[in-house]
Amino acid sequence: MKLVYTNDAIEDLKRLREFIAVHNPTAASKIAAELIAKMELLPAFPTMGTPVQMAPVPDIIRDMVFGKYVVRYSVHSSAVIVLRVWHELENER
């Protein structure tokens, strides 16, 4: 199973890193690396996140919470697709 990032997810990661870097560049790099490391576990453990109950098919769309960050992804037979990434204080995507 492979890991795929949507363009929105890539932009989310860039936005989060840039926001954190304004206040603490070291933390920005660390948090970005930790988020990516957690997301790289998804192909091996695709059900580690919680089903999104409001999704049309909750078992396919899931949220993984890592610290104060939420990674929304979808599970398919050949891939896990990272849809969005946000901080818990932001509006849900």
Protein backbone atom coordinates (compact mmCIF):
# COMPACT_ATOMS: atom_id res chain seq x y z
CA MET A 1 0.00 0.00 0.00
CA LYS A 2 1.37 3.44 -0.84
CA LEU A 3 0.96 6.86 0.75
CA VAL A 4 -0.35 9.71 -1.39
CA TYR A 5 -0.73 13.39 -0.44
CA THR A 6 -3.35 15.60 -2.08
CA ASN A 7 -2.30 19.08 -3.17
CA ASP A 8 -4.45 20.45 -0.33
CA ALA A 9 -2.55 18.35 2.21
CA ILE A 10 0.80 19.53 0.84
CA GLU A 11 -0.34 23.14 1.04
CA ASP A 12 -1.62 22.54 4.58
CA LEU A 13 1.79 21.23 5.65
CA LYS A 14 3.56 24.21 4.08
CA ARG A 15 1.13 26.64 5.72
CA LEU A 16 1.51 25.08 9.16
CA ARG A 17 5.29 25.02 8.92
CA GLU A 18 5.45 28.66 7.78
CA PHE A 19 3.13 29.75 10.58
CA ILE A 20 5.20 28.00 13.25
CA ALA A 21 8.50 29.19 11.73
CA VAL A 22 7.54 32.83 12.30
CA HIS A 23 7.70 32.18 16.05
CA ASN A 24 10.13 29.27 16.25
CA PRO A 25 11.97 27.96 13.16
CA THR A 26 13.44 25.01 15.06
CA ALA A 27 10.03 23.88 16.27
CA ALA A 28 8.63 24.24 12.74
CA SER A 29 11.16 21.78 11.35
CA LYS A 30 10.69 19.38 14.24
CA ILE A 31 6.89 19.39 14.09
CA ALA A 32 6.87 18.99 10.30
CA ALA A 33 9.24 16.02 10.52
CA GLU A 34 7.18 14.41 13.29
CA LEU A 35 3.93 14.86 11.36
CA ILE A 36 5.43 13.30 8.23
CA ALA A 37 6.86 10.40 10.26
CA LYS A 38 3.41 9.71 11.73
CA MET A 39 1.75 9.89 8.31
CA GLU A 40 4.31 7.43 6.92
CA LEU A 41 2.90 4.84 9.36
CA LEU A 42 -0.53 4.99 7.75
CA PRO A 43 0.06 2.46 4.95
CA ALA A 44 1.09 -0.15 7.53
CA PHE A 45 -1.66 0.83 10.00
CA PRO A 46 -4.49 2.36 7.95
CA THR A 47 -7.10 1.97 10.68
CA MET A 48 -5.09 3.79 13.35
CA GLY A 49 -7.23 6.88 12.91
CA THR A 50 -10.80 7.37 14.07
CA PRO A 51 -13.62 7.05 11.50
CA VAL A 52 -15.16 10.40 10.56
CA GLN A 53 -18.80 9.82 11.43
CA MET A 54 -20.06 12.67 9.25
CA ALA A 55 -18.41 11.16 6.15
CA PRO A 56 -20.60 9.25 3.68
CA VAL A 57 -18.51 6.11 4.39
CA PRO A 58 -16.93 6.58 7.83
CA ASP A 59 -14.59 3.58 7.58
CA ILE A 60 -12.91 5.07 4.51
CA ILE A 61 -12.43 8.63 5.81
CA ARG A 62 -10.50 8.75 9.06
CA ASP A 63 -8.81 11.30 11.34
CA MET A 64 -5.49 10.67 13.03
CA VAL A 65 -4.75 13.06 15.88
CA PHE A 66 -1.10 13.74 16.61
CA GLY A 67 -0.61 16.18 19.46
CA LYS A 68 -2.60 19.25 18.44
CA TYR A 69 -2.71 18.32 14.75
CA VAL A 70 -5.34 16.40 12.82
CA VAL A 71 -4.56 14.41 9.69
CA ARG A 72 -7.64 13.49 7.63
CA TYR A 73 -7.08 10.65 5.23
CA SER A 74 -8.93 8.06 3.16
CA VAL A 75 -8.18 4.34 3.01
CA HIS A 76 -8.29 2.44 -0.28
CA SER A 77 -7.15 -1.03 -1.30
CA SER A 78 -3.87 0.16 -2.82
CA ALA A 79 -3.26 3.52 -1.14
CA VAL A 80 -3.82 5.76 1.83
CA ILE A 81 -4.54 9.31 0.69
CA VAL A 82 -3.80 12.21 3.03
CA LEU A 83 -6.59 14.70 2.35
CA ARG A 84 -5.96 17.57 4.78
CA VAL A 85 -3.85 18.51 7.81
CA TRP A 86 -4.73 21.18 10.36
CA HIS A 87 -4.13 22.40 13.91
CA GLU A 88 -6.96 21.71 16.34
CA LEU A 89 -7.52 25.46 16.86
CA GLU A 90 -8.23 25.99 13.16
CA ASN A 91 -11.68 25.43 11.74
CA GLU A 92 -12.23 21.83 10.75
CA ARG A 93 -11.37 21.40 7.10
